[in-house]
Amino acid sequence: MPAKFDKMGISFQYPENWTLDEEDALQGRDSVTVYTPGGGFWSVAVHPSTTDPDQLAQAAVDAMRQEYDSLEVEGAHEAVEGYELKGYDLNFYCLDLINTARVRCVRAGGGVYSVFCQAEDREFDQLALVFQAMTTSLLGGLCGP
């Protein structure tokens, strides 16, 4: 049975054997992260409704470029629960392993949500549908754009 997080206007289901980290929330930020047993993670943050989702996604890419010289970036759009998410798919080397990350941003429920997930490639391939289900559970509980 999945676990459920429901605080700060953020509500989603996640695998019960994953580790929930509310440290950012405790420091006053509207964000939460869950970690997979293998080291990957899925994170969501809520930003003010005046935030531009496209600029937010680009800022995430810019931050990743600062960390990873080998960063490959591809634009991405997907529809989830009637919302149009925009963002990027990212690939990069870290500790001699290829990693995949996705950043998606969307205006929804009176705010702008950013979702970021990342894992080593082999783990990402196994978890992509779980990450997608978590995003779907997040957006499915929101009230309109």
C-alpha atoms as a PDB file:
ATOM      1  CA  MET A   1       0.000   0.000   0.000  1.00  0.00           C
ATOM      2  CA  PRO A   2       1.428   3.413  -0.896  1.00  0.00           C
ATOM      3  CA  ALA A   3       2.242   6.042   1.710  1.00  0.00           C
ATOM      4  CA  LYS A   4       0.679   9.504   1.429  1.00  0.00           C
ATOM      5  CA  PHE A   5       2.094  12.966   2.003  1.00  0.00           C
ATOM      6  CA  ASP A   6      -0.455  15.753   2.565  1.00  0.00           C
ATOM      7  CA  LYS A   7       0.873  19.071   3.910  1.00  0.00           C
ATOM      8  CA  MET A   8       1.470  22.645   2.688  1.00  0.00           C
ATOM      9  CA  GLY A   9      -0.915  22.250  -0.239  1.00  0.00           C
ATOM     10  CA  ILE A  10       1.158  19.322  -1.483  1.00  0.00           C
ATOM     11  CA  SER A  11      -0.482  15.912  -1.601  1.00  0.00           C
ATOM     12  CA  PHE A  12       0.818  12.794  -3.330  1.00  0.00           C
ATOM     13  CA  GLN A  13       1.269   9.075  -2.905  1.00  0.00           C
ATOM     14  CA  TYR A  14       4.670   7.390  -2.892  1.00  0.00           C
ATOM     15  CA  PRO A  15       6.072   3.895  -2.263  1.00  0.00           C
ATOM     16  CA  GLU A  16       6.072   3.146   1.449  1.00  0.00           C
ATOM     17  CA  ASN A  17       9.656   1.857   1.385  1.00  0.00           C
ATOM     18  CA  TRP A  18      10.978   5.225   0.141  1.00  0.00           C
ATOM     19  CA  THR A  19      12.361   7.821   2.582  1.00  0.00           C
ATOM     20  CA  LEU A  20      10.467  11.087   3.020  1.00  0.00           C
ATOM     21  CA  ASP A  21      12.564  14.222   3.653  1.00  0.00           C
ATOM     22  CA  GLU A  22      10.658  17.256   4.924  1.00  0.00           C
ATOM     23  CA  GLU A  23      13.773  19.259   5.851  1.00  0.00           C
ATOM     24  CA  ASP A  24      13.009  22.012   3.311  1.00  0.00           C
ATOM     25  CA  ALA A  25       9.463  22.293   4.645  1.00  0.00           C
ATOM     26  CA  LEU A  26      10.763  22.617   8.195  1.00  0.00           C
ATOM     27  CA  GLN A  27      12.928  25.508   6.996  1.00  0.00           C
ATOM     28  CA  GLY A  28       9.881  27.329   5.609  1.00  0.00           C
ATOM     29  CA  ARG A  29      10.041  26.228   1.981  1.00  0.00           C
ATOM     30  CA  ASP A  30       7.025  24.601   0.367  1.00  0.00           C
ATOM     31  CA  SER A  31       8.866  21.548  -0.901  1.00  0.00           C
ATOM     32  CA  VAL A  32       9.371  17.903  -0.071  1.00  0.00           C
ATOM     33  CA  THR A  33      11.579  15.123  -1.429  1.00  0.00           C
ATOM     34  CA  VAL A  34      11.312  11.340  -1.324  1.00  0.00           C
ATOM     35  CA  TYR A  35      14.341   9.109  -1.866  1.00  0.00           C
ATOM     36  CA  THR A  36      14.375   5.665  -3.416  1.00  0.00           C
ATOM     37  CA  PRO A  37      16.256   2.850  -1.677  1.00  0.00           C
ATOM     38  CA  GLY A  38      18.786   3.027  -4.563  1.00  0.00           C
ATOM     39  CA  GLY A  39      19.547   6.730  -4.176  1.00  0.00           C
ATOM     40  CA  GLY A  40      17.251   8.288  -6.765  1.00  0.00           C
ATOM     41  CA  PHE A  41      14.713  10.911  -5.756  1.00  0.00           C
ATOM     42  CA  TRP A  42      11.492  12.713  -6.644  1.00  0.00           C
ATOM     43  CA  SER A  43      10.953  16.245  -5.380  1.00  0.00           C
ATOM     44  CA  VAL A  44       8.127  18.745  -5.595  1.00  0.00           C
ATOM     45  CA  ALA A  45       8.023  22.435  -4.713  1.00  0.00           C
ATOM     46  CA  VAL A  46       5.220  24.996  -4.782  1.00  0.00           C
ATOM     47  CA  HIS A  47       6.033  28.500  -5.995  1.00  0.00           C
ATOM     48  CA  PRO A  48       3.890  31.676  -6.081  1.00  0.00           C
ATOM     49  CA  SER A  49       1.321  31.851  -8.870  1.00  0.00           C
ATOM     50  CA  THR A  50       3.219  34.774 -10.417  1.00  0.00           C
ATOM     51  CA  THR A  51       6.215  32.521 -11.133  1.00  0.00           C
ATOM     52  CA  ASP A  52       6.765  31.781 -14.817  1.00  0.00           C
ATOM     53  CA  PRO A  53       6.856  27.969 -15.224  1.00  0.00           C
ATOM     54  CA  ASP A  54       9.127  28.176 -18.282  1.00  0.00           C
ATOM     55  CA  GLN A  55      11.656  30.371 -16.467  1.00  0.00           C
ATOM     56  CA  LEU A  56      11.515  28.077 -13.434  1.00  0.00           C
ATOM     57  CA  ALA A  57      12.320  25.019 -15.560  1.00  0.00           C
ATOM     58  CA  GLN A  58      15.135  26.915 -17.300  1.00  0.00           C
ATOM     59  CA  ALA A  59      16.568  27.951 -13.915  1.00  0.00           C
ATOM     60  CA  ALA A  60      16.750  24.278 -12.934  1.00  0.00           C
ATOM     61  CA  VAL A  61      18.662  23.503 -16.139  1.00  0.00           C
ATOM     62  CA  ASP A  62      20.996  26.444 -15.533  1.00  0.00           C
ATOM     63  CA  ALA A  63      21.732  25.160 -12.013  1.00  0.00           C
ATOM     64  CA  MET A  64      22.467  21.689 -13.378  1.00  0.00           C
ATOM     65  CA  ARG A  65      24.821  23.185 -16.000  1.00  0.00           C
ATOM     66  CA  GLN A  66      26.802  24.737 -13.151  1.00  0.00           C
ATOM     67  CA  GLU A  67      27.300  21.267 -11.644  1.00  0.00           C
ATOM     68  CA  TYR A  68      27.728  19.007 -14.680  1.00  0.00           C
ATOM     69  CA  ASP A  69      29.869  19.859 -17.710  1.00  0.00           C
ATOM     70  CA  SER A  70      28.531  16.880 -19.641  1.00  0.00           C
ATOM     71  CA  LEU A  71      24.865  17.883 -19.289  1.00  0.00           C
ATOM     72  CA  GLU A  72      22.672  16.999 -22.273  1.00  0.00           C
ATOM     73  CA  VAL A  73      19.315  18.766 -22.364  1.00  0.00           C
ATOM     74  CA  GLU A  74      16.169  18.075 -24.360  1.00  0.00           C
ATOM     75  CA  GLY A  75      12.910  20.033 -24.095  1.00  0.00           C
ATOM     76  CA  ALA A  76       9.869  18.059 -22.983  1.00  0.00           C
ATOM     77  CA  HIS A  77       6.102  18.529 -22.775  1.00  0.00           C
ATOM     78  CA  GLU A  78       3.593  16.117 -21.340  1.00  0.00           C
ATOM     79  CA  ALA A  79      -0.055  16.128 -20.330  1.00  0.00           C
ATOM     80  CA  VAL A  80      -0.922  14.766 -16.894  1.00  0.00           C
ATOM     81  CA  GLU A  81      -4.382  14.875 -15.335  1.00  0.00           C
ATOM     82  CA  GLY A  82      -5.451  17.570 -17.803  1.00  0.00           C
ATOM     83  CA  TYR A  83      -2.423  19.793 -17.102  1.00  0.00           C
ATOM     84  CA  GLU A  84       0.270  20.678 -19.632  1.00  0.00           C
ATOM     85  CA  LEU A  85       3.683  20.239 -18.009  1.00  0.00           C
ATOM     86  CA  LYS A  86       6.723  21.838 -19.601  1.00  0.00           C
ATOM     87  CA  GLY A  87      10.325  21.151 -18.791  1.00  0.00           C
ATOM     88  CA  TYR A  88      13.404  19.223 -19.735  1.00  0.00           C
ATOM     89  CA  ASP A  89      14.914  15.749 -19.810  1.00  0.00           C
ATOM     90  CA  LEU A  90      18.535  15.803 -18.658  1.00  0.00           C
ATOM     91  CA  ASN A  91      21.392  13.314 -18.968  1.00  0.00           C
ATOM     92  CA  PHE A  92      24.803  13.699 -17.343  1.00  0.00           C
ATOM     93  CA  TYR A  93      27.757  11.816 -15.885  1.00  0.00           C
ATOM     94  CA  CYS A  94      28.252  11.666 -12.134  1.00  0.00           C
ATOM     95  CA  LEU A  95      30.861   9.396 -10.531  1.00  0.00           C
ATOM     96  CA  ASP A  96      31.370   7.664 -13.899  1.00  0.00           C
ATOM     97  CA  LEU A  97      27.691   6.737 -14.118  1.00  0.00           C
ATOM     98  CA  ILE A  98      25.132   8.109 -16.539  1.00  0.00           C
ATOM     99  CA  ASN A  99      22.264   9.801 -14.721  1.00  0.00           C
ATOM    100  CA  THR A 100      18.861  10.892 -15.943  1.00  0.00           C
ATOM    101  CA  ALA A 101      16.790  13.703 -14.516  1.00  0.00           C
ATOM    102  CA  ARG A 102      13.496  15.301 -15.432  1.00  0.00           C
ATOM    103  CA  VAL A 103      12.222  18.711 -14.481  1.00  0.00           C
ATOM    104  CA  ARG A 104       8.602  19.588 -15.132  1.00  0.00           C
ATOM    105  CA  CYS A 105       6.772  22.788 -14.201  1.00  0.00           C
ATOM    106  CA  VAL A 106       3.075  23.588 -14.298  1.00  0.00           C
ATOM    107  CA  ARG A 107       0.675  26.295 -13.167  1.00  0.00           C
ATOM    108  CA  ALA A 108      -2.015  24.525 -11.157  1.00  0.00           C
ATOM    109  CA  GLY A 109      -4.178  24.870  -8.072  1.00  0.00           C
ATOM    110  CA  GLY A 110      -3.384  28.561  -7.542  1.00  0.00           C
ATOM    111  CA  GLY A 111       0.405  28.101  -7.652  1.00  0.00           C
ATOM    112  CA  VAL A 112       3.231  26.894  -9.822  1.00  0.00           C
ATOM    113  CA  TYR A 113       4.562  23.410  -9.127  1.00  0.00           C
ATOM    114  CA  SER A 114       7.999  22.153 -10.047  1.00  0.00           C
ATOM    115  CA  VAL A 115       8.696  18.431 -10.050  1.00  0.00           C
ATOM    116  CA  PHE A 116      12.255  17.143 -10.289  1.00  0.00           C
ATOM    117  CA  CYS A 117      13.247  13.479 -10.369  1.00  0.00           C
ATOM    118  CA  GLN A 118      16.664  11.962 -10.818  1.00  0.00           C
ATOM    119  CA  ALA A 119      18.390   8.583 -10.674  1.00  0.00           C
ATOM    120  CA  GLU A 120      21.245   6.636 -12.164  1.00  0.00           C
ATOM    121  CA  ASP A 121      20.129   5.401 -15.606  1.00  0.00           C
ATOM    122  CA  ARG A 122      19.498   1.769 -14.716  1.00  0.00           C
ATOM    123  CA  GLU A 123      17.461   2.769 -11.677  1.00  0.00           C
ATOM    124  CA  PHE A 124      15.671   5.506 -13.636  1.00  0.00           C
ATOM    125  CA  ASP A 125      14.548   2.988 -16.251  1.00  0.00           C
ATOM    126  CA  GLN A 126      12.977   0.904 -13.477  1.00  0.00           C
ATOM    127  CA  LEU A 127      11.422   3.897 -11.682  1.00  0.00           C
ATOM    128  CA  ALA A 128      10.171   6.096 -14.524  1.00  0.00           C
ATOM    129  CA  LEU A 129       6.602   4.794 -14.182  1.00  0.00           C
ATOM    130  CA  VAL A 130       6.696   5.232 -10.389  1.00  0.00           C
ATOM    131  CA  PHE A 131       7.906   8.826 -10.770  1.00  0.00           C
ATOM    132  CA  GLN A 132       5.095   9.375 -13.291  1.00  0.00           C
ATOM    133  CA  ALA A 133       2.503   7.883 -10.929  1.00  0.00           C
ATOM    134  CA  MET A 134       3.660  10.177  -8.136  1.00  0.00           C
ATOM    135  CA  THR A 135       3.306  13.222 -10.388  1.00  0.00           C
ATOM    136  CA  THR A 136      -0.130  12.016 -11.464  1.00  0.00           C
ATOM    137  CA  SER A 137      -1.224  11.610  -7.834  1.00  0.00           C
ATOM    138  CA  LEU A 138       0.066  15.139  -7.076  1.00  0.00           C
ATOM    139  CA  LEU A 139      -1.803  16.777  -9.959  1.00  0.00           C
ATOM    140  CA  GLY A 140      -4.909  14.647  -9.585  1.00  0.00           C
ATOM    141  CA  GLY A 141      -5.574  16.194  -6.188  1.00  0.00           C
ATOM    142  CA  LEU A 142      -5.329  19.823  -7.330  1.00  0.00           C
ATOM    143  CA  CYS A 143      -8.145  22.163  -8.267  1.00  0.00           C
ATOM    144  CA  GLY A 144      -7.761  23.605 -11.782  1.00  0.00           C
ATOM    145  CA  PRO A 145      -5.020  25.842 -13.177  1.00  0.00           C
END
